[in-house]
C-alpha cells in the first residue's frame, strides 16, 4: 500500500467514525495540499474540524478549536 493510499484510508476512517458517532458533515474539501472536513454534532453542539496534509502525511483534529488529535501517517 502506498503512503498516499494509507493516508487516505486513515483520514477517511476518522471521518466515518465521527459520522457513526452522529456527527453531520458540513464541509468536505480535498485539495492537493489540504483536506478539510468540518463536522457538527446536533445533540451536544460540538464542532470537529479534521485537517489532512497529504504532502506531509499529517492529520490534525480539533474539537471546539482545541487540538484533540495529531498524527503522522507512516
N, C-alpha and C. Protein backbone atom coordinates (compact mmCIF):
# COMPACT_ATOMS: atom_id res chain seq x y z
N UNK A 1 0.85 -1.17 0.00
CA UNK A 1 0.00 0.00 0.00
C UNK A 1 0.90 1.25 0.00
N UNK A 2 0.61 2.19 -0.88
CA UNK A 2 1.42 3.40 -0.94
C UNK A 2 1.10 4.29 0.25
N UNK A 3 2.02 5.19 0.56
CA UNK A 3 1.82 6.08 1.69
C UNK A 3 0.63 6.99 1.44
N UNK A 4 0.38 7.38 0.18
CA UNK A 4 -0.77 8.24 -0.12
C UNK A 4 -2.09 7.50 0.09
N UNK A 5 -2.17 6.24 -0.32
CA UNK A 5 -3.40 5.49 -0.12
C UNK A 5 -3.61 5.17 1.37
N UNK A 6 -2.53 4.95 2.10
CA UNK A 6 -2.65 4.75 3.55
C UNK A 6 -3.15 6.03 4.23
N UNK A 7 -2.63 7.17 3.82
CA UNK A 7 -3.09 8.45 4.36
C UNK A 7 -4.59 8.61 4.11
N UNK A 8 -5.01 8.35 2.89
CA UNK A 8 -6.42 8.47 2.52
C UNK A 8 -7.29 7.54 3.37
N UNK A 9 -6.83 6.31 3.57
CA UNK A 9 -7.59 5.34 4.36
C UNK A 9 -7.73 5.80 5.81
N UNK A 10 -6.64 6.25 6.42
CA UNK A 10 -6.67 6.69 7.82
C UNK A 10 -7.58 7.92 7.97
N UNK A 11 -7.46 8.87 7.05
CA UNK A 11 -8.28 10.08 7.12
C UNK A 11 -9.76 9.73 6.98
N UNK A 12 -10.09 8.92 5.98
CA UNK A 12 -11.49 8.54 5.76
C UNK A 12 -12.06 7.72 6.91
N UNK A 13 -11.25 6.85 7.52
CA UNK A 13 -11.72 6.08 8.67
C UNK A 13 -12.08 7.00 9.84
N UNK A 14 -11.29 8.05 10.04
CA UNK A 14 -11.56 9.00 11.12
C UNK A 14 -12.87 9.75 10.85
N UNK A 15 -13.08 10.18 9.60
CA UNK A 15 -14.33 10.86 9.23
C UNK A 15 -15.52 9.93 9.42
N UNK A 16 -15.41 8.71 8.95
CA UNK A 16 -16.52 7.75 9.06
C UNK A 16 -16.82 7.41 10.51
N UNK A 17 -15.80 7.34 11.35
CA UNK A 17 -16.01 7.07 12.78
C UNK A 17 -16.79 8.21 13.43
N UNK A 18 -16.44 9.43 13.10
CA UNK A 18 -17.18 10.57 13.65
C UNK A 18 -18.63 10.58 13.17
N UNK A 19 -18.84 10.25 11.92
CA UNK A 19 -20.21 10.20 11.40
C UNK A 19 -21.00 9.08 12.06
N UNK A 20 -20.35 7.97 12.39
CA UNK A 20 -21.02 6.88 13.11
C UNK A 20 -21.39 7.32 14.53
N UNK A 21 -20.66 8.33 15.05
CA UNK A 21 -20.96 8.88 16.37
C UNK A 21 -21.95 10.04 16.27
N UNK A 22 -22.67 10.13 15.16
CA UNK A 22 -23.77 11.09 14.94
C UNK A 22 -23.30 12.51 14.67
N UNK A 23 -22.11 12.65 14.11
CA UNK A 23 -21.69 13.97 13.63
C UNK A 23 -22.17 14.11 12.19
N UNK A 24 -22.60 15.32 11.83
CA UNK A 24 -23.06 15.61 10.47
C UNK A 24 -21.97 16.38 9.74
N UNK A 25 -21.67 15.94 8.54
CA UNK A 25 -20.62 16.58 7.75
C UNK A 25 -21.18 17.89 7.19
N UNK A 26 -20.45 18.99 7.43
CA UNK A 26 -20.84 20.31 6.93
C UNK A 26 -20.00 20.73 5.73
N UNK A 27 -18.72 20.39 5.76
CA UNK A 27 -17.79 20.76 4.68
C UNK A 27 -16.87 19.58 4.42
N UNK A 28 -16.58 19.30 3.16
CA UNK A 28 -15.60 18.28 2.79
C UNK A 28 -14.87 18.78 1.56
N UNK A 29 -13.65 19.24 1.75
CA UNK A 29 -12.85 19.80 0.66
C UNK A 29 -11.54 19.03 0.58
N UNK A 30 -11.22 18.59 -0.61
CA UNK A 30 -9.97 17.84 -0.83
C UNK A 30 -9.14 18.56 -1.89
N UNK A 31 -8.15 19.28 -1.46
CA UNK A 31 -7.20 19.94 -2.35
C UNK A 31 -5.88 19.17 -2.31
N UNK A 32 -4.99 19.38 -3.26
CA UNK A 32 -3.74 18.63 -3.26
C UNK A 32 -2.91 18.81 -1.98
N UNK A 33 -2.97 19.98 -1.36
CA UNK A 33 -2.14 20.26 -0.19
C UNK A 33 -2.92 20.26 1.12
N UNK A 34 -4.26 20.25 1.07
CA UNK A 34 -5.07 20.31 2.29
C UNK A 34 -6.39 19.59 2.08
N UNK A 35 -6.70 18.68 3.01
CA UNK A 35 -8.03 18.08 3.07
C UNK A 35 -8.68 18.64 4.32
N UNK A 36 -9.89 19.15 4.18
CA UNK A 36 -10.58 19.76 5.30
C UNK A 36 -11.99 19.20 5.39
N UNK A 37 -12.33 18.67 6.57
CA UNK A 37 -13.68 18.19 6.82
C UNK A 37 -14.15 18.82 8.13
N UNK A 38 -15.30 19.49 8.06
CA UNK A 38 -15.90 20.10 9.25
C UNK A 38 -17.18 19.33 9.56
N UNK A 39 -17.31 18.93 10.82
CA UNK A 39 -18.48 18.17 11.26
C UNK A 39 -19.10 18.84 12.48
N UNK A 40 -20.41 18.64 12.65
CA UNK A 40 -21.13 19.22 13.78
C UNK A 40 -22.01 18.14 14.40
N UNK A 41 -22.02 18.09 15.72
CA UNK A 41 -22.87 17.15 16.44
C UNK A 41 -24.15 17.87 16.83
N UNK A 42 -25.28 17.35 16.38
CA UNK A 42 -26.55 18.05 16.57
C UNK A 42 -27.02 18.00 18.03
N UNK A 43 -26.65 16.99 18.78
CA UNK A 43 -27.12 16.86 20.17
C UNK A 43 -26.27 17.67 21.15
N UNK A 44 -24.95 17.49 21.09
CA UNK A 44 -24.10 18.14 22.09
C UNK A 44 -23.49 19.45 21.59
N UNK A 45 -23.66 19.77 20.31
CA UNK A 45 -23.19 21.04 19.77
C UNK A 45 -21.72 21.12 19.46
N UNK A 46 -20.96 20.05 19.62
CA UNK A 46 -19.53 20.07 19.35
C UNK A 46 -19.26 20.26 17.86
N UNK A 47 -18.21 21.02 17.57
CA UNK A 47 -17.73 21.19 16.21
C UNK A 47 -16.36 20.54 16.10
N UNK A 48 -16.20 19.67 15.11
CA UNK A 48 -14.93 18.98 14.87
C UNK A 48 -14.44 19.38 13.50
N UNK A 49 -13.15 19.71 13.43
CA UNK A 49 -12.51 20.00 12.15
C UNK A 49 -11.33 19.06 12.00
N UNK A 50 -11.33 18.34 10.89
CA UNK A 50 -10.20 17.48 10.53
C UNK A 50 -9.43 18.15 9.41
N UNK A 51 -8.14 18.31 9.62
CA UNK A 51 -7.27 18.85 8.59
C UNK A 51 -6.25 17.78 8.24
N UNK A 52 -6.21 17.46 6.98
CA UNK A 52 -5.22 16.50 6.50
C UNK A 52 -4.26 17.20 5.56
N UNK A 53 -3.00 16.92 5.75
CA UNK A 53 -1.95 17.48 4.91
C UNK A 53 -1.28 16.32 4.16
N UNK A 54 -1.81 15.99 2.97
CA UNK A 54 -1.33 14.80 2.25
C UNK A 54 0.16 14.82 1.92
N UNK A 55 0.71 15.98 1.64
CA UNK A 55 2.12 16.05 1.29
C UNK A 55 3.03 15.78 2.48
N UNK A 56 2.53 16.10 3.69
CA UNK A 56 3.28 15.87 4.92
C UNK A 56 2.82 14.62 5.67
N UNK A 57 1.75 13.99 5.18
CA UNK A 57 1.17 12.79 5.80
C UNK A 57 0.74 13.06 7.25
N UNK A 58 0.18 14.24 7.50
CA UNK A 58 -0.22 14.62 8.85
C UNK A 58 -1.72 14.89 8.90
N UNK A 59 -2.33 14.44 10.02
CA UNK A 59 -3.75 14.68 10.28
C UNK A 59 -3.85 15.38 11.63
N UNK A 60 -4.61 16.47 11.66
CA UNK A 60 -4.85 17.20 12.90
C UNK A 60 -6.36 17.33 13.08
N UNK A 61 -6.83 16.96 14.27
CA UNK A 61 -8.25 17.07 14.60
C UNK A 61 -8.42 18.07 15.73
N UNK A 62 -9.35 19.01 15.55
CA UNK A 62 -9.71 19.93 16.62
C UNK A 62 -11.17 19.74 16.97
N UNK A 63 -11.46 19.85 18.26
CA UNK A 63 -12.84 19.83 18.74
C UNK A 63 -13.05 21.12 19.49
N UNK A 64 -14.00 21.91 19.02
CA UNK A 64 -14.27 23.22 19.61
C UNK A 64 -12.99 24.05 19.71
N UNK A 65 -12.20 24.03 18.64
CA UNK A 65 -10.97 24.82 18.48
C UNK A 65 -9.79 24.33 19.33
N UNK A 66 -9.91 23.19 19.98
CA UNK A 66 -8.83 22.62 20.79
C UNK A 66 -8.29 21.38 20.07
N UNK A 67 -6.97 21.32 19.88
CA UNK A 67 -6.38 20.16 19.21
C UNK A 67 -6.58 18.92 20.10
N UNK A 68 -7.27 17.92 19.54
CA UNK A 68 -7.56 16.70 20.29
C UNK A 68 -6.82 15.48 19.72
N UNK A 69 -6.26 15.63 18.51
CA UNK A 69 -5.56 14.51 17.90
C UNK A 69 -4.60 15.06 16.85
N UNK A 70 -3.39 14.52 16.86
CA UNK A 70 -2.40 14.87 15.84
C UNK A 70 -1.65 13.58 15.50
N UNK A 71 -1.52 13.31 14.21
CA UNK A 71 -0.96 12.03 13.79
C UNK A 71 -0.17 12.19 12.51
N UNK A 72 0.97 11.54 12.47
CA UNK A 72 1.76 11.40 11.24
C UNK A 72 1.49 9.99 10.72
N UNK A 73 0.98 9.90 9.50
CA UNK A 73 0.66 8.59 8.90
C UNK A 73 1.89 8.09 8.17
N UNK A 74 2.43 6.99 8.65
CA UNK A 74 3.65 6.40 8.05
C UNK A 74 3.29 5.56 6.85
